[in-house]
Amino acid sequence: MPHRSAWTALLREPANPLSYRRLDDDACALCVLMGQRNAADVVAQAEKLLARTTAEKGRRRAGHARTLIS
């Protein structure tokens, strides 16, 4: 289950133990995939990665727009 879906399910049904388990499973998977020991480090690393890729994507779009205008 994607992380965002697990988080949404937990917010929708906070008393549901299955929702907590799914979110915990997703957090553990992210820790393993990103080589971190805790979820806070994973979130910090993921936010940096998303910020960098979003900025790169914006620069590429700006470059494409200049090419099309020229």
C-alpha atoms as a PDB file:
ATOM      1  CA  MET A   1       0.000   0.000   0.000  1.00  0.00           C
ATOM      2  CA  PRO A   2       1.476   3.382  -0.883  1.00  0.00           C
ATOM      3  CA  HIS A   3       2.487   5.503   2.104  1.00  0.00           C
ATOM      4  CA  ARG A   4      -0.055   8.251   1.386  1.00  0.00           C
ATOM      5  CA  SER A   5      -2.897   5.723   1.258  1.00  0.00           C
ATOM      6  CA  ALA A   6      -1.814   4.195   4.562  1.00  0.00           C
ATOM      7  CA  TRP A   7      -1.687   7.622   6.178  1.00  0.00           C
ATOM      8  CA  THR A   8      -5.137   8.523   4.787  1.00  0.00           C
ATOM      9  CA  ALA A   9      -6.585   5.268   6.106  1.00  0.00           C
ATOM     10  CA  LEU A  10      -5.120   5.943   9.546  1.00  0.00           C
ATOM     11  CA  LEU A  11      -6.623   9.432   9.629  1.00  0.00           C
ATOM     12  CA  ARG A  12      -9.986   8.095   8.485  1.00  0.00           C
ATOM     13  CA  GLU A  13     -10.059   5.328  11.145  1.00  0.00           C
ATOM     14  CA  PRO A  14      -7.613   6.211  13.944  1.00  0.00           C
ATOM     15  CA  ALA A  15      -8.808   3.368  16.213  1.00  0.00           C
ATOM     16  CA  ASN A  16      -8.249   0.691  13.552  1.00  0.00           C
ATOM     17  CA  PRO A  17      -5.149  -1.386  14.428  1.00  0.00           C
ATOM     18  CA  LEU A  18      -4.851  -2.538  10.808  1.00  0.00           C
ATOM     19  CA  SER A  19      -4.366   1.076   9.703  1.00  0.00           C
ATOM     20  CA  TYR A  20      -1.512   1.489  12.197  1.00  0.00           C
ATOM     21  CA  ARG A  21       0.094  -1.761  11.080  1.00  0.00           C
ATOM     22  CA  ARG A  22      -0.054  -0.769   7.403  1.00  0.00           C
ATOM     23  CA  LEU A  23       1.501   2.613   8.104  1.00  0.00           C
ATOM     24  CA  ASP A  24       4.194   0.951  10.208  1.00  0.00           C
ATOM     25  CA  ASP A  25       4.888  -1.570   7.421  1.00  0.00           C
ATOM     26  CA  ASP A  26       5.223   1.246   4.893  1.00  0.00           C
ATOM     27  CA  ALA A  27       7.546   3.173   7.204  1.00  0.00           C
ATOM     28  CA  CYS A  28       9.747   0.084   7.671  1.00  0.00           C
ATOM     29  CA  ALA A  29       9.864  -0.527   3.921  1.00  0.00           C
ATOM     30  CA  LEU A  30      10.906   3.084   3.297  1.00  0.00           C
ATOM     31  CA  CYS A  31      13.640   2.792   5.929  1.00  0.00           C
ATOM     32  CA  VAL A  32      15.047  -0.279   4.216  1.00  0.00           C
ATOM     33  CA  LEU A  33      14.769   1.167   0.708  1.00  0.00           C
ATOM     34  CA  MET A  34      16.396   4.459   1.658  1.00  0.00           C
ATOM     35  CA  GLY A  35      19.024   2.982   3.974  1.00  0.00           C
ATOM     36  CA  GLN A  36      17.896   4.839   7.093  1.00  0.00           C
ATOM     37  CA  ARG A  37      17.283   3.613  10.628  1.00  0.00           C
ATOM     38  CA  ASN A  38      14.163   5.583  11.518  1.00  0.00           C
ATOM     39  CA  ALA A  39      11.151   7.132   9.839  1.00  0.00           C
ATOM     40  CA  ALA A  40      12.131  10.717  10.710  1.00  0.00           C
ATOM     41  CA  ASP A  41      15.406  10.332   8.783  1.00  0.00           C
ATOM     42  CA  VAL A  42      13.538   8.754   5.864  1.00  0.00           C
ATOM     43  CA  VAL A  43      11.089  11.647   5.710  1.00  0.00           C
ATOM     44  CA  ALA A  44      13.896  14.219   5.842  1.00  0.00           C
ATOM     45  CA  GLN A  45      15.811  12.430   3.063  1.00  0.00           C
ATOM     46  CA  ALA A  46      12.670  12.027   0.939  1.00  0.00           C
ATOM     47  CA  GLU A  47      11.782  15.712   1.305  1.00  0.00           C
ATOM     48  CA  LYS A  48      15.272  16.725   0.158  1.00  0.00           C
ATOM     49  CA  LEU A  49      15.032  14.347  -2.803  1.00  0.00           C
ATOM     50  CA  LEU A  50      11.593  15.641  -3.797  1.00  0.00           C
ATOM     51  CA  ALA A  51      12.703  19.269  -3.500  1.00  0.00           C
ATOM     52  CA  ARG A  52      15.759  18.597  -5.676  1.00  0.00           C
ATOM     53  CA  THR A  53      13.859  16.687  -8.370  1.00  0.00           C
ATOM     54  CA  THR A  54      11.068  19.289  -8.407  1.00  0.00           C
ATOM     55  CA  ALA A  55      13.615  22.073  -8.879  1.00  0.00           C
ATOM     56  CA  GLU A  56      15.361  20.141 -11.668  1.00  0.00           C
ATOM     57  CA  LYS A  57      12.033  19.504 -13.388  1.00  0.00           C
ATOM     58  CA  GLY A  58      11.219  23.234 -13.199  1.00  0.00           C
ATOM     59  CA  ARG A  59      14.572  24.148 -14.772  1.00  0.00           C
ATOM     60  CA  ARG A  60      14.017  21.654 -17.594  1.00  0.00           C
ATOM     61  CA  ARG A  61      10.561  23.058 -18.295  1.00  0.00           C
ATOM     62  CA  ALA A  62      11.954  26.585 -18.387  1.00  0.00           C
ATOM     63  CA  GLY A  63      14.631  25.438 -20.832  1.00  0.00           C
ATOM     64  CA  HIS A  64      12.028  23.785 -23.071  1.00  0.00           C
ATOM     65  CA  ALA A  65       9.908  26.934 -23.046  1.00  0.00           C
ATOM     66  CA  ARG A  66      12.890  29.051 -24.143  1.00  0.00           C
ATOM     67  CA  THR A  67      13.650  26.582 -26.929  1.00  0.00           C
ATOM     68  CA  LEU A  68      10.072  26.708 -28.207  1.00  0.00           C
ATOM     69  CA  ILE A  69       9.940  30.510 -28.084  1.00  0.00           C
ATOM     70  CA  SER A  70      13.247  31.000 -29.898  1.00  0.00           C
END
